[in-house]
Amino acid sequence: MDGVFYYFLLTVIIINIAPGPAMLYVLNQSVKFGIGKGLKAAAGVEVGVFFYVICVSFGLVVFFNHFPLVFQAIKIVGAVYLIWLAVASWPKL
């Protein structure tokens, strides 16, 4: 295994730590049933998301290896979108 996999694994962990809709579920379980149930809910959500991200990513790797032009197009579209967001966030003069 090369170092790229470890960067990927770090990215997956960061995505799992970032707050999202599952946070409301964990918060709800914690308020209703206590910290123990909240921790179990958080662990369940994180394991599920981690497994999902790994499966999807490996599927996309296979797809992009077969169709590198699609991957290049997605990168270009993503870059253009980020530039558009940056320009749109500038204050109007």
PDB file of N, CA and C in Angstrom:
ATOM      1  N   MET A   1       0.841  -1.182   0.000  1.00  0.00           N
ATOM      2  CA  MET A   1       0.000   0.000   0.000  1.00  0.00           C
ATOM      3  C   MET A   1       0.882   1.241   0.000  1.00  0.00           C
ATOM      4  N   ASP A   2       0.476   2.196  -0.787  1.00  0.00           N
ATOM      5  CA  ASP A   2       1.254   3.426  -0.825  1.00  0.00           C
ATOM      6  C   ASP A   2       0.649   4.488   0.088  1.00  0.00           C
ATOM      7  N   GLY A   3       1.287   5.629   0.142  1.00  0.00           N
ATOM      8  CA  GLY A   3       0.855   6.690   1.040  1.00  0.00           C
ATOM      9  C   GLY A   3      -0.471   7.319   0.673  1.00  0.00           C
ATOM     10  N   VAL A   4      -0.896   7.157  -0.570  1.00  0.00           N
ATOM     11  CA  VAL A   4      -2.157   7.755  -1.009  1.00  0.00           C
ATOM     12  C   VAL A   4      -3.327   7.186  -0.214  1.00  0.00           C
ATOM     13  N   PHE A   5      -3.276   5.900   0.077  1.00  0.00           N
ATOM     14  CA  PHE A   5      -4.364   5.287   0.842  1.00  0.00           C
ATOM     15  C   PHE A   5      -4.480   5.910   2.223  1.00  0.00           C
ATOM     16  N   TYR A   6      -3.360   6.235   2.833  1.00  0.00           N
ATOM     17  CA  TYR A   6      -3.409   6.840   4.164  1.00  0.00           C
ATOM     18  C   TYR A   6      -3.996   8.251   4.112  1.00  0.00           C
ATOM     19  N   TYR A   7      -3.711   8.989   3.045  1.00  0.00           N
ATOM     20  CA  TYR A   7      -4.357  10.295   2.871  1.00  0.00           C
ATOM     21  C   TYR A   7      -5.863  10.126   2.689  1.00  0.00           C
ATOM     22  N   PHE A   8      -6.229   9.122   1.916  1.00  0.00           N
ATOM     23  CA  PHE A   8      -7.648   8.828   1.717  1.00  0.00           C
ATOM     24  C   PHE A   8      -8.306   8.481   3.045  1.00  0.00           C
ATOM     25  N   LEU A   9      -7.669   7.636   3.833  1.00  0.00           N
ATOM     26  CA  LEU A   9      -8.211   7.236   5.128  1.00  0.00           C
ATOM     27  C   LEU A   9      -8.360   8.441   6.050  1.00  0.00           C
ATOM     28  N   LEU A  10      -7.392   9.328   6.051  1.00  0.00           N
ATOM     29  CA  LEU A  10      -7.477  10.552   6.851  1.00  0.00           C
ATOM     30  C   LEU A  10      -8.649  11.411   6.399  1.00  0.00           C
ATOM     31  N   THR A  11      -8.857  11.508   5.092  1.00  0.00           N
ATOM     32  CA  THR A  11      -9.979  12.277   4.562  1.00  0.00           C
ATOM     33  C   THR A  11     -11.310  11.690   5.002  1.00  0.00           C
ATOM     34  N   VAL A  12     -11.424  10.373   4.965  1.00  0.00           N
ATOM     35  CA  VAL A  12     -12.652   9.701   5.404  1.00  0.00           C
ATOM     36  C   VAL A  12     -12.921   9.997   6.875  1.00  0.00           C
ATOM     37  N   ILE A  13     -11.898   9.979   7.684  1.00  0.00           N
ATOM     38  CA  ILE A  13     -12.066  10.249   9.110  1.00  0.00           C
ATOM     39  C   ILE A  13     -12.510  11.695   9.330  1.00  0.00           C
ATOM     40  N   ILE A  14     -11.922  12.628   8.594  1.00  0.00           N
ATOM     41  CA  ILE A  14     -12.305  14.036   8.736  1.00  0.00           C
ATOM     42  C   ILE A  14     -13.757  14.237   8.312  1.00  0.00           C
ATOM     43  N   ILE A  15     -14.169  13.569   7.230  1.00  0.00           N
ATOM     44  CA  ILE A  15     -15.559  13.674   6.787  1.00  0.00           C
ATOM     45  C   ILE A  15     -16.499  13.137   7.861  1.00  0.00           C
ATOM     46  N   ASN A  16     -16.094  12.068   8.522  1.00  0.00           N
ATOM     47  CA  ASN A  16     -16.938  11.492   9.569  1.00  0.00           C
ATOM     48  C   ASN A  16     -17.020  12.380  10.798  1.00  0.00           C
ATOM     49  N   ILE A  17     -15.983  13.104  11.087  1.00  0.00           N
ATOM     50  CA  ILE A  17     -15.970  13.961  12.277  1.00  0.00           C
ATOM     51  C   ILE A  17     -16.789  15.231  12.050  1.00  0.00           C
ATOM     52  N   ALA A  18     -16.849  15.708  10.801  1.00  0.00           N
ATOM     53  CA  ALA A  18     -17.561  16.949  10.499  1.00  0.00           C
ATOM     54  C   ALA A  18     -19.049  16.810  10.828  1.00  0.00           C
ATOM     55  N   PRO A  19     -19.648  17.855  11.403  1.00  0.00           N
ATOM     56  CA  PRO A  19     -21.067  17.763  11.763  1.00  0.00           C
ATOM     57  C   PRO A  19     -21.957  17.705  10.522  1.00  0.00           C
ATOM     58  N   GLY A  20     -23.075  17.022  10.670  1.00  0.00           N
ATOM     59  CA  GLY A  20     -24.016  16.883   9.565  1.00  0.00           C
ATOM     60  C   GLY A  20     -25.384  16.509  10.111  1.00  0.00           C
ATOM     61  N   PRO A  21     -26.268  15.990   9.256  1.00  0.00           N
ATOM     62  CA  PRO A  21     -27.620  15.645   9.694  1.00  0.00           C
ATOM     63  C   PRO A  21     -27.651  14.580  10.789  1.00  0.00           C
ATOM     64  N   ALA A  22     -26.669  13.710  10.801  1.00  0.00           N
ATOM     65  CA  ALA A  22     -26.636  12.664  11.821  1.00  0.00           C
ATOM     66  C   ALA A  22     -26.447  13.253  13.222  1.00  0.00           C
ATOM     67  N   MET A  23     -25.899  14.476  13.266  1.00  0.00           N
ATOM     68  CA  MET A  23     -25.688  15.115  14.565  1.00  0.00           C
ATOM     69  C   MET A  23     -27.020  15.327  15.290  1.00  0.00           C
ATOM     70  N   LEU A  24     -28.063  15.671  14.540  1.00  0.00           N
ATOM     71  CA  LEU A  24     -29.378  15.858  15.161  1.00  0.00           C
ATOM     72  C   LEU A  24     -29.889  14.549  15.764  1.00  0.00           C
ATOM     73  N   TYR A  25     -29.662  13.445  15.070  1.00  0.00           N
ATOM     74  CA  TYR A  25     -30.069  12.142  15.583  1.00  0.00           C
ATOM     75  C   TYR A  25     -29.331  11.818  16.881  1.00  0.00           C
ATOM     76  N   VAL A  26     -28.037  12.022  16.876  1.00  0.00           N
ATOM     77  CA  VAL A  26     -27.234  11.734  18.074  1.00  0.00           C
ATOM     78  C   VAL A  26     -27.649  12.657  19.216  1.00  0.00           C
ATOM     79  N   LEU A  27     -27.865  13.913  18.922  1.00  0.00           N
ATOM     80  CA  LEU A  27     -28.296  14.862  19.941  1.00  0.00           C
ATOM     81  C   LEU A  27     -29.649  14.465  20.515  1.00  0.00           C
ATOM     82  N   ASN A  28     -30.574  14.060  19.652  1.00  0.00           N
ATOM     83  CA  ASN A  28     -31.895  13.623  20.083  1.00  0.00           C
ATOM     84  C   ASN A  28     -31.799  12.401  21.003  1.00  0.00           C
ATOM     85  N   GLN A  29     -30.991  11.430  20.619  1.00  0.00           N
ATOM     86  CA  GLN A  29     -30.831  10.231  21.444  1.00  0.00           C
ATOM     87  C   GLN A  29     -30.194  10.569  22.791  1.00  0.00           C
ATOM     88  N   SER A  30     -29.251  11.494  22.779  1.00  0.00           N
ATOM     89  CA  SER A  30     -28.582  11.886  24.027  1.00  0.00           C
ATOM     90  C   SER A  30     -29.536  12.598  24.972  1.00  0.00           C
ATOM     91  N   VAL A  31     -30.349  13.498  24.434  1.00  0.00           N
ATOM     92  CA  VAL A  31     -31.281  14.249  25.275  1.00  0.00           C
ATOM     93  C   VAL A  31     -32.368  13.339  25.835  1.00  0.00           C
ATOM     94  N   LYS A  32     -32.906  12.465  25.003  1.00  0.00           N
ATOM     95  CA  LYS A  32     -34.000  11.596  25.439  1.00  0.00           C
ATOM     96  C   LYS A  32     -33.558  10.477  26.372  1.00  0.00           C
ATOM     97  N   PHE A  33     -32.405   9.851  26.056  1.00  0.00           N
ATOM     98  CA  PHE A  33     -32.039   8.621  26.763  1.00  0.00           C
ATOM     99  C   PHE A  33     -30.723   8.683  27.526  1.00  0.00           C
ATOM    100  N   GLY A  34     -30.035   9.788  27.464  1.00  0.00           N
ATOM    101  CA  GLY A  34     -28.794   9.914  28.224  1.00  0.00           C
ATOM    102  C   GLY A  34     -27.555   9.767  27.356  1.00  0.00           C
ATOM    103  N   ILE A  35     -26.425   9.999  27.997  1.00  0.00           N
ATOM    104  CA  ILE A  35     -25.156  10.037  27.263  1.00  0.00           C
ATOM    105  C   ILE A  35     -24.760   8.664  26.720  1.00  0.00           C
ATOM    106  N   GLY A  36     -25.108   7.614  27.423  1.00  0.00           N
ATOM    107  CA  GLY A  36     -24.757   6.266  26.953  1.00  0.00           C
ATOM    108  C   GLY A  36     -25.399   5.943  25.616  1.00  0.00           C
ATOM    109  N   LYS A  37     -26.693   6.199  25.506  1.00  0.00           N
ATOM    110  CA  LYS A  37     -27.395   5.958  24.237  1.00  0.00           C
ATOM    111  C   LYS A  37     -26.878   6.905  23.149  1.00  0.00           C
ATOM    112  N   GLY A  38     -26.531   8.120  23.536  1.00  0.00           N
ATOM    113  CA  GLY A  38     -25.991   9.066  22.571  1.00  0.00           C
ATOM    114  C   GLY A  38     -24.660   8.606  22.001  1.00  0.00           C
ATOM    115  N   LEU A  39     -23.812   8.064  22.863  1.00  0.00           N
ATOM    116  CA  LEU A  39     -22.523   7.550  22.396  1.00  0.00           C
ATOM    117  C   LEU A  39     -22.714   6.337  21.484  1.00  0.00           C
ATOM    118  N   LYS A  40     -23.668   5.480  21.838  1.00  0.00           N
ATOM    119  CA  LYS A  40     -23.953   4.325  20.973  1.00  0.00           C
ATOM    120  C   LYS A  40     -24.495   4.776  19.621  1.00  0.00           C
ATOM    121  N   ALA A  41     -25.360   5.785  19.625  1.00  0.00           N
ATOM    122  CA  ALA A  41     -25.895   6.315  18.371  1.00  0.00           C
ATOM    123  C   ALA A  41     -24.778   6.928  17.523  1.00  0.00           C
ATOM    124  N   ALA A  42     -23.883   7.661  18.163  1.00  0.00           N
ATOM    125  CA  ALA A  42     -22.766   8.278  17.434  1.00  0.00           C
ATOM    126  C   ALA A  42     -21.855   7.205  16.836  1.00  0.00           C
ATOM    127  N   ALA A  43     -21.568   6.178  17.606  1.00  0.00           N
ATOM    128  CA  ALA A  43     -20.717   5.095  17.101  1.00  0.00           C
ATOM    129  C   ALA A  43     -21.386   4.387  15.925  1.00  0.00           C
ATOM    130  N   GLY A  44     -22.677   4.139  16.023  1.00  0.00           N
ATOM    131  CA  GLY A  44     -23.394   3.483  14.930  1.00  0.00           C
ATOM    132  C   GLY A  44     -23.409   4.318  13.664  1.00  0.00           C
ATOM    133  N   VAL A  45     -23.649   5.595  13.820  1.00  0.00           N
ATOM    134  CA  VAL A  45     -23.674   6.491  12.658  1.00  0.00           C
ATOM    135  C   VAL A  45     -22.296   6.538  12.004  1.00  0.00           C
ATOM    136  N   GLU A  46     -21.266   6.684  12.794  1.00  0.00           N
ATOM    137  CA  GLU A  46     -19.917   6.810  12.244  1.00  0.00           C
ATOM    138  C   GLU A  46     -19.451   5.531  11.558  1.00  0.00           C
ATOM    139  N   VAL A  47     -19.743   4.384  12.144  1.00  0.00           N
ATOM    140  CA  VAL A  47     -19.372   3.113  11.501  1.00  0.00           C
ATOM    141  C   VAL A  47     -20.108   2.965  10.173  1.00  0.00           C
ATOM    142  N   GLY A  48     -21.388   3.308  10.152  1.00  0.00           N
ATOM    143  CA  GLY A  48     -22.155   3.221   8.917  1.00  0.00           C
ATOM    144  C   GLY A  48     -21.634   4.145   7.833  1.00  0.00           C
ATOM    145  N   VAL A  49     -21.342   5.385   8.182  1.00  0.00           N
ATOM    146  CA  VAL A  49     -20.837   6.347   7.205  1.00  0.00           C
ATOM    147  C   VAL A  49     -19.452   5.938   6.719  1.00  0.00           C
ATOM    148  N   PHE A  50     -18.608   5.481   7.619  1.00  0.00           N
ATOM    149  CA  PHE A  50     -17.261   5.051   7.247  1.00  0.00           C
ATOM    150  C   PHE A  50     -17.331   3.912   6.234  1.00  0.00           C
ATOM    151  N   PHE A  51     -18.160   2.927   6.509  1.00  0.00           N
ATOM    152  CA  PHE A  51     -18.324   1.783   5.607  1.00  0.00           C
ATOM    153  C   PHE A  51     -18.863   2.242   4.255  1.00  0.00           C
ATOM    154  N   TYR A  52     -19.838   3.123   4.271  1.00  0.00           N
ATOM    155  CA  TYR A  52     -20.443   3.642   3.038  1.00  0.00           C
ATOM    156  C   TYR A  52     -19.417   4.393   2.196  1.00  0.00           C
ATOM    157  N   VAL A  53     -18.651   5.262   2.820  1.00  0.00           N
ATOM    158  CA  VAL A  53     -17.660   6.053   2.093  1.00  0.00           C
ATOM    159  C   VAL A  53     -16.585   5.150   1.483  1.00  0.00           C
ATOM    160  N   ILE A  54     -16.138   4.156   2.211  1.00  0.00           N
ATOM    161  CA  ILE A  54     -15.134   3.226   1.685  1.00  0.00           C
ATOM    162  C   ILE A  54     -15.680   2.484   0.471  1.00  0.00           C
ATOM    163  N   CYS A  55     -16.888   1.942   0.579  1.00  0.00           N
ATOM    164  CA  CYS A  55     -17.477   1.180  -0.536  1.00  0.00           C
ATOM    165  C   CYS A  55     -17.672   2.053  -1.767  1.00  0.00           C
ATOM    166  N   VAL A  56     -18.220   3.228  -1.578  1.00  0.00           N
ATOM    167  CA  VAL A  56     -18.457   4.127  -2.705  1.00  0.00           C
ATOM    168  C   VAL A  56     -17.143   4.550  -3.337  1.00  0.00           C
ATOM    169  N   SER A  57     -16.160   4.873  -2.530  1.00  0.00           N
ATOM    170  CA  SER A  57     -14.890   5.349  -3.064  1.00  0.00           C
ATOM    171  C   SER A  57     -14.182   4.281  -3.876  1.00  0.00           C
ATOM    172  N   PHE A  58     -14.174   3.060  -3.399  1.00  0.00           N
ATOM    173  CA  PHE A  58     -13.521   2.006  -4.169  1.00  0.00           C
ATOM    174  C   PHE A  58     -14.272   1.742  -5.471  1.00  0.00           C
ATOM    175  N   GLY A  59     -15.589   1.856  -5.452  1.00  0.00           N
ATOM    176  CA  GLY A  59     -16.359   1.719  -6.684  1.00  0.00           C
ATOM    177  C   GLY A  59     -16.035   2.823  -7.676  1.00  0.00           C
ATOM    178  N   LEU A  60     -15.878   4.046  -7.176  1.00  0.00           N
ATOM    179  CA  LEU A  60     -15.542   5.168  -8.046  1.00  0.00           C
ATOM    180  C   LEU A  60     -14.128   5.052  -8.586  1.00  0.00           C
ATOM    181  N   VAL A  61     -13.217   4.496  -7.801  1.00  0.00           N
ATOM    182  CA  VAL A  61     -11.850   4.299  -8.276  1.00  0.00           C
ATOM    183  C   VAL A  61     -11.849   3.365  -9.478  1.00  0.00           C
ATOM    184  N   VAL A  62     -12.590   2.293  -9.396  1.00  0.00           N
ATOM    185  CA  VAL A  62     -12.663   1.356 -10.517  1.00  0.00           C
ATOM    186  C   VAL A  62     -13.268   2.045 -11.737  1.00  0.00           C
ATOM    187  N   PHE A  63     -14.343   2.782 -11.519  1.00  0.00           N
ATOM    188  CA  PHE A  63     -15.004   3.487 -12.623  1.00  0.00           C
ATOM    189  C   PHE A  63     -14.052   4.491 -13.276  1.00  0.00           C
ATOM    190  N   PHE A  64     -13.384   5.307 -12.461  1.00  0.00           N
ATOM    191  CA  PHE A  64     -12.507   6.339 -13.008  1.00  0.00           C
ATOM    192  C   PHE A  64     -11.263   5.739 -13.656  1.00  0.00           C
ATOM    193  N   ASN A  65     -10.825   4.565 -13.217  1.00  0.00           N
ATOM    194  CA  ASN A  65      -9.710   3.904 -13.888  1.00  0.00           C
ATOM    195  C   ASN A  65     -10.096   3.458 -15.294  1.00  0.00           C
ATOM    196  N   HIS A  66     -11.350   3.104 -15.476  1.00  0.00           N
ATOM    197  CA  HIS A  66     -11.816   2.686 -16.800  1.00  0.00           C
ATOM    198  C   HIS A  66     -12.156   3.885 -17.688  1.00  0.00           C
ATOM    199  N   PHE A  67     -12.554   4.999 -17.086  1.00  0.00           N
ATOM    200  CA  PHE A  67     -12.951   6.190 -17.838  1.00  0.00           C
ATOM    201  C   PHE A  67     -12.235   7.427 -17.289  1.00  0.00           C
ATOM    202  N   PRO A  68     -10.932   7.566 -17.582  1.00  0.00           N
ATOM    203  CA  PRO A  68     -10.180   8.704 -17.024  1.00  0.00           C
ATOM    204  C   PRO A  68     -10.658  10.055 -17.552  1.00  0.00           C
ATOM    205  N   LEU A  69     -11.258  10.080 -18.741  1.00  0.00           N
ATOM    206  CA  LEU A  69     -11.757  11.336 -19.279  1.00  0.00           C
ATOM    207  C   LEU A  69     -12.902  11.889 -18.434  1.00  0.00           C
ATOM    208  N   VAL A  70     -13.730  10.999 -17.896  1.00  0.00           N
ATOM    209  CA  VAL A  70     -14.830  11.417 -17.021  1.00  0.00           C
ATOM    210  C   VAL A  70     -14.263  12.050 -15.747  1.00  0.00           C
ATOM    211  N   PHE A  71     -13.218  11.443 -15.207  1.00  0.00           N
ATOM    212  CA  PHE A  71     -12.593  11.988 -13.996  1.00  0.00           C
ATOM    213  C   PHE A  71     -12.007  13.372 -14.273  1.00  0.00           C
ATOM    214  N   GLN A  72     -11.363  13.527 -15.411  1.00  0.00           N
ATOM    215  CA  GLN A  72     -10.798  14.827 -15.763  1.00  0.00           C
ATOM    216  C   GLN A  72     -11.901  15.870 -15.918  1.00  0.00           C
ATOM    217  N   ALA A  73     -13.011  15.489 -16.533  1.00  0.00           N
ATOM    218  CA  ALA A  73     -14.141  16.412 -16.709  1.00  0.00           C
ATOM    219  C   ALA A  73     -14.713  16.832 -15.353  1.00  0.00           C
ATOM    220  N   ILE A  74     -14.835  15.893 -14.429  1.00  0.00           N
ATOM    221  CA  ILE A  74     -15.356  16.212 -13.091  1.00  0.00           C
ATOM    222  C   ILE A  74     -14.421  17.176 -12.370  1.00  0.00           C
ATOM    223  N   LYS A  75     -13.125  16.981 -12.517  1.00  0.00           N
ATOM    224  CA  LYS A  75     -12.172  17.895 -11.882  1.00  0.00           C
ATOM    225  C   LYS A  75     -12.296  19.304 -12.459  1.00  0.00           C
ATOM    226  N   ILE A  76     -12.449  19.405 -13.766  1.00  0.00           N
ATOM    227  CA  ILE A  76     -12.562  20.722 -14.397  1.00  0.00           C
ATOM    228  C   ILE A  76     -13.868  21.404 -13.981  1.00  0.00           C
ATOM    229  N   VAL A  77     -14.958  20.663 -14.012  1.00  0.00           N
ATOM    230  CA  VAL A  77     -16.248  21.222 -13.601  1.00  0.00           C
ATOM    231  C   VAL A  77     -16.189  21.653 -12.130  1.00  0.00           C
ATOM    232  N   GLY A  78     -15.563  20.857 -11.285  1.00  0.00           N
ATOM    233  CA  GLY A  78     -15.420  21.209  -9.871  1.00  0.00           C
ATOM    234  C   GLY A  78     -14.602  22.474  -9.676  1.00  0.00           C
ATOM    235  N   ALA A  79     -13.527  22.615 -10.434  1.00  0.00           N
ATOM    236  CA  ALA A  79     -12.691  23.816 -10.331  1.00  0.00           C
ATOM    237  C   ALA A  79     -13.459  25.053 -10.783  1.00  0.00           C
ATOM    238  N   VAL A  80     -14.205  24.926 -11.884  1.00  0.00           N
ATOM    239  CA  VAL A  80     -15.002  26.050 -12.367  1.00  0.00           C
ATOM    240  C   VAL A  80     -16.062  26.434 -11.335  1.00  0.00           C
ATOM    241  N   TYR A  81     -16.684  25.441 -10.729  1.00  0.00           N
ATOM    242  CA  TYR A  81     -17.703  25.710  -9.707  1.00  0.00           C
ATOM    243  C   TYR A  81     -17.084  26.432  -8.499  1.00  0.00           C
ATOM    244  N   LEU A  82     -15.911  26.007  -8.057  1.00  0.00           N
ATOM    245  CA  LEU A  82     -15.263  26.673  -6.929  1.00  0.00           C
ATOM    246  C   LEU A  82     -14.891  28.116  -7.269  1.00  0.00           C
ATOM    247  N   ILE A  83     -14.441  28.333  -8.494  1.00  0.00           N
ATOM    248  CA  ILE A  83     -14.136  29.706  -8.919  1.00  0.00           C
ATOM    249  C   ILE A  83     -15.414  30.548  -8.935  1.00  0.00           C
ATOM    250  N   TRP A  84     -16.505  29.972  -9.440  1.00  0.00           N
ATOM    251  CA  TRP A  84     -17.788  30.682  -9.457  1.00  0.00           C
ATOM    252  C   TRP A  84     -18.230  31.044  -8.037  1.00  0.00           C
ATOM    253  N   LEU A  85     -18.088  30.103  -7.090  1.00  0.00           N
ATOM    254  CA  LEU A  85     -18.442  30.395  -5.699  1.00  0.00           C
ATOM    255  C   LEU A  85     -17.580  31.517  -5.130  1.00  0.00           C
ATOM    256  N   ALA A  86     -16.288  31.504  -5.455  1.00  0.00           N
ATOM    257  CA  ALA A  86     -15.394  32.549  -4.959  1.00  0.00           C
ATOM    258  C   ALA A  86     -15.790  33.911  -5.502  1.00  0.00           C
ATOM    259  N   VAL A  87     -16.071  33.982  -6.786  1.00  0.00           N
ATOM    260  CA  VAL A  87     -16.463  35.257  -7.397  1.00  0.00           C
ATOM    261  C   VAL A  87     -17.807  35.719  -6.846  1.00  0.00           C
ATOM    262  N   ALA A  88     -18.733  34.790  -6.665  1.00  0.00           N
ATOM    263  CA  ALA A  88     -20.065  35.147  -6.144  1.00  0.00           C
ATOM    264  C   ALA A  88     -20.006  35.639  -4.702  1.00  0.00           C
ATOM    265  N   SER A  89     -18.989  35.243  -3.968  1.00  0.00           N
ATOM    266  CA  SER A  89     -18.893  35.654  -2.568  1.00  0.00           C
ATOM    267  C   SER A  89     -18.259  37.029  -2.398  1.00  0.00           C
ATOM    268  N   TRP A  90     -17.662  37.571  -3.445  1.00  0.00           N
ATOM    269  CA  TRP A  90     -17.084  38.901  -3.363  1.00  0.00           C
ATOM    270  C   TRP A  90     -18.180  39.919  -3.174  1.00  0.00           C
ATOM    271  N   PRO A  91     -17.931  40.938  -2.355  1.00  0.00           N
ATOM    272  CA  PRO A  91     -18.964  41.978  -2.167  1.00  0.00           C
ATOM    273  C   PRO A  91     -19.143  42.778  -3.445  1.00  0.00           C
ATOM    274  N   LYS A  92     -20.381  43.159  -3.678  1.00  0.00           N
ATOM    275  CA  LYS A  92     -20.707  43.975  -4.861  1.00  0.00           C
ATOM    276  C   LYS A  92     -20.280  45.418  -4.604  1.00  0.00           C
ATOM    277  N   LEU A  93     -19.562  45.984  -5.538  1.00  0.00           N
ATOM    278  CA  LEU A  93     -19.085  47.368  -5.371  1.00  0.00           C
ATOM    279  C   LEU A  93     -19.972  48.349  -6.065  1.00  0.00           C
TER     280      LEU A  93
END
